[in-house]
Amino acid sequence: MRRNASTQAGYSAGIVANVLAALRATLCARTPAARVPWLAGLSGLQGSGKSTFARQLGHLANATGTRTEILSLDDFYFGRRERAPLAR
């Protein structure tokens, strides 16, 4: 991972772009009709960067014409304040 302009850890733009391209290709092949919603999930250990990667992936998708929403299942269990000590 690298540090970006906001000083938060982040993945390289190339990795994010490659994953988005692969995701789009896979999902478009399965649902060729336009305007069909997709659902993609990320799985990994706590603190592994899932939220960071999802945020970067969503930002790039939005910037290139695919509207996205990012949902964190953690938000259903604990709020940000309760999760902060767990991430350290």
PDB file of N, CA and C in Angstrom:
ATOM      1  N   MET A   1       0.844  -1.174   0.000  1.00  0.00           N
ATOM      2  CA  MET A   1       0.000   0.000   0.000  1.00  0.00           C
ATOM      3  C   MET A   1       0.886   1.233   0.000  1.00  0.00           C
ATOM      4  N   ARG A   2       0.328   2.329  -0.412  1.00  0.00           N
ATOM      5  CA  ARG A   2       1.057   3.591  -0.438  1.00  0.00           C
ATOM      6  C   ARG A   2       0.235   4.653   0.255  1.00  0.00           C
ATOM      7  N   ARG A   3       0.840   5.793   0.524  1.00  0.00           N
ATOM      8  CA  ARG A   3       0.114   6.930   1.103  1.00  0.00           C
ATOM      9  C   ARG A   3      -0.337   7.825  -0.041  1.00  0.00           C
ATOM     10  N   ASN A   4      -1.586   8.293   0.024  1.00  0.00           N
ATOM     11  CA  ASN A   4      -2.068   9.193  -1.010  1.00  0.00           C
ATOM     12  C   ASN A   4      -2.071  10.622  -0.488  1.00  0.00           C
ATOM     13  N   ALA A   5      -2.616  11.529  -1.268  1.00  0.00           N
ATOM     14  CA  ALA A   5      -2.568  12.951  -0.913  1.00  0.00           C
ATOM     15  C   ALA A   5      -3.274  13.260   0.400  1.00  0.00           C
ATOM     16  N   SER A   6      -4.244  12.442   0.769  1.00  0.00           N
ATOM     17  CA  SER A   6      -4.967  12.698   2.017  1.00  0.00           C
ATOM     18  C   SER A   6      -4.268  12.049   3.212  1.00  0.00           C
ATOM     19  N   THR A   7      -3.105  11.481   3.001  1.00  0.00           N
ATOM     20  CA  THR A   7      -2.269  10.802   4.001  1.00  0.00           C
ATOM     21  C   THR A   7      -2.888   9.521   4.539  1.00  0.00           C
ATOM     22  N   GLN A   8      -3.949   9.052   3.943  1.00  0.00           N
ATOM     23  CA  GLN A   8      -4.507   7.761   4.330  1.00  0.00           C
ATOM     24  C   GLN A   8      -3.836   6.688   3.475  1.00  0.00           C
ATOM     25  N   ALA A   9      -3.662   5.516   4.066  1.00  0.00           N
ATOM     26  CA  ALA A   9      -3.087   4.418   3.294  1.00  0.00           C
ATOM     27  C   ALA A   9      -4.003   4.106   2.124  1.00  0.00           C
ATOM     28  N   GLY A  10      -3.413   3.725   1.016  1.00  0.00           N
ATOM     29  CA  GLY A  10      -4.210   3.397  -0.146  1.00  0.00           C
ATOM     30  C   GLY A  10      -3.466   2.455  -1.067  1.00  0.00           C
ATOM     31  N   TYR A  11      -4.196   1.846  -1.959  1.00  0.00           N
ATOM     32  CA  TYR A  11      -3.628   0.941  -2.945  1.00  0.00           C
ATOM     33  C   TYR A  11      -3.253   1.732  -4.188  1.00  0.00           C
ATOM     34  N   SER A  12      -2.337   1.218  -4.971  1.00  0.00           N
ATOM     35  CA  SER A  12      -1.904   1.940  -6.172  1.00  0.00           C
ATOM     36  C   SER A  12      -3.076   2.072  -7.148  1.00  0.00           C
ATOM     37  N   ALA A  13      -3.074   3.168  -7.885  1.00  0.00           N
ATOM     38  CA  ALA A  13      -4.146   3.432  -8.846  1.00  0.00           C
ATOM     39  C   ALA A  13      -4.227   2.321  -9.891  1.00  0.00           C
ATOM     40  N   GLY A  14      -3.089   1.760 -10.260  1.00  0.00           N
ATOM     41  CA  GLY A  14      -3.071   0.687 -11.249  1.00  0.00           C
ATOM     42  C   GLY A  14      -3.778  -0.566 -10.771  1.00  0.00           C
ATOM     43  N   ILE A  15      -3.560  -0.919  -9.512  1.00  0.00           N
ATOM     44  CA  ILE A  15      -4.227  -2.098  -8.948  1.00  0.00           C
ATOM     45  C   ILE A  15      -5.737  -1.882  -8.909  1.00  0.00           C
ATOM     46  N   VAL A  16      -6.147  -0.716  -8.453  1.00  0.00           N
ATOM     47  CA  VAL A  16      -7.575  -0.411  -8.364  1.00  0.00           C
ATOM     48  C   VAL A  16      -8.207  -0.443  -9.754  1.00  0.00           C
ATOM     49  N   ALA A  17      -7.534   0.157 -10.744  1.00  0.00           N
ATOM     50  CA  ALA A  17      -8.057   0.172 -12.112  1.00  0.00           C
ATOM     51  C   ALA A  17      -8.147  -1.239 -12.695  1.00  0.00           C
ATOM     52  N   ASN A  18      -7.146  -2.072 -12.433  1.00  0.00           N
ATOM     53  CA  ASN A  18      -7.163  -3.449 -12.947  1.00  0.00           C
ATOM     54  C   ASN A  18      -8.303  -4.249 -12.333  1.00  0.00           C
ATOM     55  N   VAL A  19      -8.517  -4.100 -11.043  1.00  0.00           N
ATOM     56  CA  VAL A  19      -9.610  -4.826 -10.379  1.00  0.00           C
ATOM     57  C   VAL A  19     -10.953  -4.337 -10.905  1.00  0.00           C
ATOM     58  N   LEU A  20     -11.110  -3.024 -11.065  1.00  0.00           N
ATOM     59  CA  LEU A  20     -12.371  -2.495 -11.588  1.00  0.00           C
ATOM     60  C   LEU A  20     -12.627  -3.009 -13.001  1.00  0.00           C
ATOM     61  N   ALA A  21     -11.617  -3.040 -13.838  1.00  0.00           N
ATOM     62  CA  ALA A  21     -11.784  -3.541 -15.205  1.00  0.00           C
ATOM     63  C   ALA A  21     -12.195  -5.014 -15.199  1.00  0.00           C
ATOM     64  N   ALA A  22     -11.553  -5.814 -14.355  1.00  0.00           N
ATOM     65  CA  ALA A  22     -11.896  -7.237 -14.267  1.00  0.00           C
ATOM     66  C   ALA A  22     -13.309  -7.427 -13.724  1.00  0.00           C
ATOM     67  N   LEU A  23     -13.664  -6.639 -12.732  1.00  0.00           N
ATOM     68  CA  LEU A  23     -15.001  -6.717 -12.148  1.00  0.00           C
ATOM     69  C   LEU A  23     -16.053  -6.350 -13.182  1.00  0.00           C
ATOM     70  N   ARG A  24     -15.826  -5.269 -13.898  1.00  0.00           N
ATOM     71  CA  ARG A  24     -16.790  -4.866 -14.938  1.00  0.00           C
ATOM     72  C   ARG A  24     -16.916  -5.930 -16.009  1.00  0.00           C
ATOM     73  N   ALA A  25     -15.794  -6.490 -16.458  1.00  0.00           N
ATOM     74  CA  ALA A  25     -15.831  -7.507 -17.510  1.00  0.00           C
ATOM     75  C   ALA A  25     -16.616  -8.729 -17.053  1.00  0.00           C
ATOM     76  N   THR A  26     -16.368  -9.177 -15.843  1.00  0.00           N
ATOM     77  CA  THR A  26     -17.058 -10.343 -15.306  1.00  0.00           C
ATOM     78  C   THR A  26     -18.552 -10.079 -15.154  1.00  0.00           C
ATOM     79  N   LEU A  27     -18.890  -8.949 -14.557  1.00  0.00           N
ATOM     80  CA  LEU A  27     -20.300  -8.654 -14.314  1.00  0.00           C
ATOM     81  C   LEU A  27     -21.050  -8.361 -15.605  1.00  0.00           C
ATOM     82  N   CYS A  28     -20.421  -7.682 -16.545  1.00  0.00           N
ATOM     83  CA  CYS A  28     -21.084  -7.408 -17.823  1.00  0.00           C
ATOM     84  C   CYS A  28     -21.323  -8.694 -18.614  1.00  0.00           C
ATOM     85  N   ALA A  29     -20.418  -9.645 -18.506  1.00  0.00           N
ATOM     86  CA  ALA A  29     -20.589 -10.921 -19.198  1.00  0.00           C
ATOM     87  C   ALA A  29     -21.768 -11.702 -18.613  1.00  0.00           C
ATOM     88  N   ARG A  30     -21.997 -11.541 -17.313  1.00  0.00           N
ATOM     89  CA  ARG A  30     -23.084 -12.268 -16.652  1.00  0.00           C
ATOM     90  C   ARG A  30     -24.427 -11.561 -16.792  1.00  0.00           C
ATOM     91  N   THR A  31     -24.412 -10.241 -16.872  1.00  0.00           N
ATOM     92  CA  THR A  31     -25.646  -9.460 -16.966  1.00  0.00           C
ATOM     93  C   THR A  31     -25.501  -8.427 -18.072  1.00  0.00           C
ATOM     94  N   PRO A  32     -25.596  -8.874 -19.329  1.00  0.00           N
ATOM     95  CA  PRO A  32     -25.360  -7.959 -20.439  1.00  0.00           C
ATOM     96  C   PRO A  32     -26.410  -6.858 -20.598  1.00  0.00           C
ATOM     97  N   ALA A  33     -27.592  -7.027 -20.023  1.00  0.00           N
ATOM     98  CA  ALA A  33     -28.623  -5.991 -20.145  1.00  0.00           C
ATOM     99  C   ALA A  33     -28.205  -4.741 -19.377  1.00  0.00           C
ATOM    100  N   ALA A  34     -28.482  -3.608 -19.963  1.00  0.00           N
ATOM    101  CA  ALA A  34     -28.124  -2.336 -19.315  1.00  0.00           C
ATOM    102  C   ALA A  34     -28.990  -2.113 -18.075  1.00  0.00           C
ATOM    103  N   ARG A  35     -28.464  -1.349 -17.141  1.00  0.00           N
ATOM    104  CA  ARG A  35     -29.174  -0.903 -15.955  1.00  0.00           C
ATOM    105  C   ARG A  35     -29.564  -2.032 -14.998  1.00  0.00           C
ATOM    106  N   VAL A  36     -28.794  -3.084 -14.997  1.00  0.00           N
ATOM    107  CA  VAL A  36     -29.007  -4.166 -14.037  1.00  0.00           C
ATOM    108  C   VAL A  36     -28.063  -3.909 -12.866  1.00  0.00           C
ATOM    109  N   PRO A  37     -28.586  -3.816 -11.650  1.00  0.00           N
ATOM    110  CA  PRO A  37     -27.699  -3.549 -10.509  1.00  0.00           C
ATOM    111  C   PRO A  37     -26.782  -4.734 -10.229  1.00  0.00           C
ATOM    112  N   TRP A  38     -25.588  -4.423  -9.779  1.00  0.00           N
ATOM    113  CA  TRP A  38     -24.606  -5.434  -9.407  1.00  0.00           C
ATOM    114  C   TRP A  38     -24.346  -5.343  -7.915  1.00  0.00           C
ATOM    115  N   LEU A  39     -23.944  -6.431  -7.343  1.00  0.00           N
ATOM    116  CA  LEU A  39     -23.518  -6.458  -5.952  1.00  0.00           C
ATOM    117  C   LEU A  39     -22.176  -7.179  -5.906  1.00  0.00           C
ATOM    118  N   ALA A  40     -21.185  -6.517  -5.371  1.00  0.00           N
ATOM    119  CA  ALA A  40     -19.857  -7.122  -5.227  1.00  0.00           C
ATOM    120  C   ALA A  40     -19.451  -6.999  -3.771  1.00  0.00           C
ATOM    121  N   GLY A  41     -18.755  -7.979  -3.252  1.00  0.00           N
ATOM    122  CA  GLY A  41     -18.328  -7.958  -1.859  1.00  0.00           C
ATOM    123  C   GLY A  41     -16.832  -8.149  -1.728  1.00  0.00           C
ATOM    124  N   LEU A  42     -16.295  -7.626  -0.659  1.00  0.00           N
ATOM    125  CA  LEU A  42     -14.882  -7.811  -0.326  1.00  0.00           C
ATOM    126  C   LEU A  42     -14.813  -8.550   1.002  1.00  0.00           C
ATOM    127  N   SER A  43     -13.882  -9.450   1.100  1.00  0.00           N
ATOM    128  CA  SER A  43     -13.708 -10.215   2.327  1.00  0.00           C
ATOM    129  C   SER A  43     -12.248 -10.172   2.732  1.00  0.00           C
ATOM    130  N   GLY A  44     -12.006 -10.084   4.023  1.00  0.00           N
ATOM    131  CA  GLY A  44     -10.634 -10.083   4.510  1.00  0.00           C
ATOM    132  C   GLY A  44     -10.605  -9.872   6.007  1.00  0.00           C
ATOM    133  N   LEU A  45      -9.437 -10.033   6.574  1.00  0.00           N
ATOM    134  CA  LEU A  45      -9.268  -9.849   8.004  1.00  0.00           C
ATOM    135  C   LEU A  45      -9.464  -8.396   8.406  1.00  0.00           C
ATOM    136  N   GLN A  46      -9.777  -8.187   9.660  1.00  0.00           N
ATOM    137  CA  GLN A  46      -9.928  -6.830  10.181  1.00  0.00           C
ATOM    138  C   GLN A  46      -8.616  -6.066  10.008  1.00  0.00           C
ATOM    139  N   GLY A  47      -8.729  -4.860   9.517  1.00  0.00           N
ATOM    140  CA  GLY A  47      -7.548  -4.023   9.327  1.00  0.00           C
ATOM    141  C   GLY A  47      -6.759  -4.341   8.068  1.00  0.00           C
ATOM    142  N   SER A  48      -7.289  -5.197   7.193  1.00  0.00           N
ATOM    143  CA  SER A  48      -6.544  -5.582   5.989  1.00  0.00           C
ATOM    144  C   SER A  48      -6.693  -4.594   4.839  1.00  0.00           C
ATOM    145  N   GLY A  49      -7.589  -3.619   4.980  1.00  0.00           N
ATOM    146  CA  GLY A  49      -7.729  -2.599   3.945  1.00  0.00           C
ATOM    147  C   GLY A  49      -8.971  -2.724   3.089  1.00  0.00           C
ATOM    148  N   LYS A  50      -9.931  -3.511   3.528  1.00  0.00           N
ATOM    149  CA  LYS A  50     -11.159  -3.683   2.735  1.00  0.00           C
ATOM    150  C   LYS A  50     -11.892  -2.366   2.516  1.00  0.00           C
ATOM    151  N   SER A  51     -12.066  -1.604   3.578  1.00  0.00           N
ATOM    152  CA  SER A  51     -12.797  -0.338   3.466  1.00  0.00           C
ATOM    153  C   SER A  51     -12.028   0.655   2.607  1.00  0.00           C
ATOM    154  N   THR A  52     -10.715   0.699   2.769  1.00  0.00           N
ATOM    155  CA  THR A  52      -9.874   1.593   1.957  1.00  0.00           C
ATOM    156  C   THR A  52      -9.988   1.222   0.494  1.00  0.00           C
ATOM    157  N   PHE A  53      -9.873  -0.072   0.198  1.00  0.00           N
ATOM    158  CA  PHE A  53      -9.946  -0.522  -1.186  1.00  0.00           C
ATOM    159  C   PHE A  53     -11.331  -0.267  -1.765  1.00  0.00           C
ATOM    160  N   ALA A  54     -12.374  -0.549  -0.993  1.00  0.00           N
ATOM    161  CA  ALA A  54     -13.743  -0.315  -1.459  1.00  0.00           C
ATOM    162  C   ALA A  54     -13.960   1.160  -1.764  1.00  0.00           C
ATOM    163  N   ARG A  55     -13.446   2.030  -0.905  1.00  0.00           N
ATOM    164  CA  ARG A  55     -13.587   3.475  -1.114  1.00  0.00           C
ATOM    165  C   ARG A  55     -12.879   3.898  -2.405  1.00  0.00           C
ATOM    166  N   GLN A  56     -11.658   3.400  -2.616  1.00  0.00           N
ATOM    167  CA  GLN A  56     -10.929   3.736  -3.841  1.00  0.00           C
ATOM    168  C   GLN A  56     -11.624   3.165  -5.076  1.00  0.00           C
ATOM    169  N   LEU A  57     -12.084   1.928  -4.988  1.00  0.00           N
ATOM    170  CA  LEU A  57     -12.767   1.291  -6.112  1.00  0.00           C
ATOM    171  C   LEU A  57     -14.059   2.030  -6.446  1.00  0.00           C
ATOM    172  N   GLY A  58     -14.819   2.391  -5.422  1.00  0.00           N
ATOM    173  CA  GLY A  58     -16.058   3.140  -5.637  1.00  0.00           C
ATOM    174  C   GLY A  58     -15.805   4.512  -6.238  1.00  0.00           C
ATOM    175  N   HIS A  59     -14.762   5.175  -5.764  1.00  0.00           N
ATOM    176  CA  HIS A  59     -14.424   6.498  -6.297  1.00  0.00           C
ATOM    177  C   HIS A  59     -14.081   6.404  -7.784  1.00  0.00           C
ATOM    178  N   LEU A  60     -13.257   5.431  -8.150  1.00  0.00           N
ATOM    179  CA  LEU A  60     -12.884   5.266  -9.554  1.00  0.00           C
ATOM    180  C   LEU A  60     -14.095   4.874 -10.395  1.00  0.00           C
ATOM    181  N   ALA A  61     -14.919   3.979  -9.886  1.00  0.00           N
ATOM    182  CA  ALA A  61     -16.118   3.572 -10.630  1.00  0.00           C
ATOM    183  C   ALA A  61     -17.027   4.774 -10.877  1.00  0.00           C
ATOM    184  N   ASN A  62     -17.263   5.575  -9.837  1.00  0.00           N
ATOM    185  CA  ASN A  62     -18.090   6.777  -9.998  1.00  0.00           C
ATOM    186  C   ASN A  62     -17.474   7.749 -10.996  1.00  0.00           C
ATOM    187  N   ALA A  63     -16.170   7.916 -10.914  1.00  0.00           N
ATOM    188  CA  ALA A  63     -15.472   8.858 -11.798  1.00  0.00           C
ATOM    189  C   ALA A  63     -15.498   8.420 -13.255  1.00  0.00           C
ATOM    190  N   THR A  64     -15.697   7.130 -13.485  1.00  0.00           N
ATOM    191  CA  THR A  64     -15.694   6.616 -14.852  1.00  0.00           C
ATOM    192  C   THR A  64     -17.081   6.147 -15.304  1.00  0.00           C
ATOM    193  N   GLY A  65     -18.122   6.643 -14.625  1.00  0.00           N
ATOM    194  CA  GLY A  65     -19.465   6.438 -15.129  1.00  0.00           C
ATOM    195  C   GLY A  65     -20.300   5.331 -14.522  1.00  0.00           C
ATOM    196  N   THR A  66     -19.802   4.661 -13.509  1.00  0.00           N
ATOM    197  CA  THR A  66     -20.594   3.619 -12.854  1.00  0.00           C
ATOM    198  C   THR A  66     -20.957   4.102 -11.461  1.00  0.00           C
ATOM    199  N   ARG A  67     -22.223   4.359 -11.245  1.00  0.00           N
ATOM    200  CA  ARG A  67     -22.661   4.843  -9.937  1.00  0.00           C
ATOM    201  C   ARG A  67     -22.523   3.725  -8.905  1.00  0.00           C
ATOM    202  N   THR A  68     -21.955   4.053  -7.768  1.00  0.00           N
ATOM    203  CA  THR A  68     -21.735   3.050  -6.739  1.00  0.00           C
ATOM    204  C   THR A  68     -22.207   3.538  -5.381  1.00  0.00           C
ATOM    205  N   GLU A  69     -22.446   2.592  -4.517  1.00  0.00           N
ATOM    206  CA  GLU A  69     -22.727   2.837  -3.102  1.00  0.00           C
ATOM    207  C   GLU A  69     -21.843   1.872  -2.327  1.00  0.00           C
ATOM    208  N   ILE A  70     -21.207   2.357  -1.284  1.00  0.00           N
ATOM    209  CA  ILE A  70     -20.344   1.521  -0.456  1.00  0.00           C
ATOM    210  C   ILE A  70     -21.058   1.279   0.874  1.00  0.00           C
ATOM    211  N   LEU A  71     -21.239   0.030   1.208  1.00  0.00           N
ATOM    212  CA  LEU A  71     -21.871  -0.350   2.471  1.00  0.00           C
ATOM    213  C   LEU A  71     -20.874  -1.178   3.272  1.00  0.00           C
ATOM    214  N   SER A  72     -20.803  -0.925   4.553  1.00  0.00           N
ATOM    215  CA  SER A  72     -19.941  -1.699   5.435  1.00  0.00           C
ATOM    216  C   SER A  72     -20.811  -2.484   6.404  1.00  0.00           C
ATOM    217  N   LEU A  73     -20.649  -3.781   6.415  1.00  0.00           N
ATOM    218  CA  LEU A  73     -21.413  -4.594   7.359  1.00  0.00           C
ATOM    219  C   LEU A  73     -21.036  -4.259   8.793  1.00  0.00           C
ATOM    220  N   ASP A  74     -19.825  -3.763   9.009  1.00  0.00           N
ATOM    221  CA  ASP A  74     -19.410  -3.367  10.357  1.00  0.00           C
ATOM    222  C   ASP A  74     -20.351  -2.322  10.936  1.00  0.00           C
ATOM    223  N   ASP A  75     -20.898  -1.479  10.084  1.00  0.00           N
ATOM    224  CA  ASP A  75     -21.797  -0.427  10.553  1.00  0.00           C
ATOM    225  C   ASP A  75     -23.080  -0.989  11.158  1.00  0.00           C
ATOM    226  N   PHE A  76     -23.399  -2.218  10.840  1.00  0.00           N
ATOM    227  CA  PHE A  76     -24.597  -2.836  11.398  1.00  0.00           C
ATOM    228  C   PHE A  76     -24.353  -3.408  12.789  1.00  0.00           C
ATOM    229  N   TYR A  77     -23.088  -3.610  13.129  1.00  0.00           N
ATOM    230  CA  TYR A  77     -22.736  -4.177  14.434  1.00  0.00           C
ATOM    231  C   TYR A  77     -22.248  -3.110  15.404  1.00  0.00           C
ATOM    232  N   PHE A  78     -21.301  -2.323  14.969  1.00  0.00           N
ATOM    233  CA  PHE A  78     -20.706  -1.280  15.797  1.00  0.00           C
ATOM    234  C   PHE A  78     -20.615   0.002  14.980  1.00  0.00           C
ATOM    235  N   GLY A  79     -20.764   1.133  15.637  1.00  0.00           N
ATOM    236  CA  GLY A  79     -20.546   2.421  14.986  1.00  0.00           C
ATOM    237  C   GLY A  79     -19.055   2.698  14.850  1.00  0.00           C
ATOM    238  N   ARG A  80     -18.720   3.785  14.183  1.00  0.00           N
ATOM    239  CA  ARG A  80     -17.311   4.141  13.959  1.00  0.00           C
ATOM    240  C   ARG A  80     -16.553   4.248  15.274  1.00  0.00           C
ATOM    241  N   ARG A  81     -17.154   4.875  16.278  1.00  0.00           N
ATOM    242  CA  ARG A  81     -16.482   5.065  17.565  1.00  0.00           C
ATOM    243  C   ARG A  81     -16.142   3.720  18.215  1.00  0.00           C
ATOM    244  N   GLU A  82     -17.068   2.765  18.150  1.00  0.00           N
ATOM    245  CA  GLU A  82     -16.818   1.458  18.754  1.00  0.00           C
ATOM    246  C   GLU A  82     -15.800   0.639  17.949  1.00  0.00           C
ATOM    247  N   ARG A  83     -15.746   0.863  16.634  1.00  0.00           N
ATOM    248  CA  ARG A  83     -14.822   0.111  15.787  1.00  0.00           C
ATOM    249  C   ARG A  83     -13.399   0.650  15.844  1.00  0.00           C
ATOM    250  N   ALA A  84     -13.220   1.941  16.116  1.00  0.00           N
ATOM    251  CA  ALA A  84     -11.889   2.560  16.077  1.00  0.00           C
ATOM    252  C   ALA A  84     -10.856   1.822  16.932  1.00  0.00           C
ATOM    253  N   PRO A  85     -11.159   1.484  18.195  1.00  0.00           N
ATOM    254  CA  PRO A  85     -10.144   0.770  18.987  1.00  0.00           C
ATOM    255  C   PRO A  85      -9.838  -0.630  18.445  1.00  0.00           C
ATOM    256  N   LEU A  86     -10.789  -1.245  17.754  1.00  0.00           N
ATOM    257  CA  LEU A  86     -10.581  -2.583  17.214  1.00  0.00           C
ATOM    258  C   LEU A  86      -9.630  -2.594  16.028  1.00  0.00           C
ATOM    259  N   ALA A  87      -9.529  -1.477  15.331  1.00  0.00           N
ATOM    260  CA  ALA A  87      -8.698  -1.392  14.136  1.00  0.00           C
ATOM    261  C   ALA A  87      -7.227  -1.151  14.449  1.00  0.00           C
ATOM    262  N   ARG A  88      -6.903  -0.891  15.690  1.00  0.00           N
ATOM    263  CA  ARG A  88      -5.510  -0.572  16.036  1.00  0.00           C
ATOM    264  C   ARG A  88      -4.716  -1.769  16.428  1.00  0.00           C
TER     265      ARG A  88
END
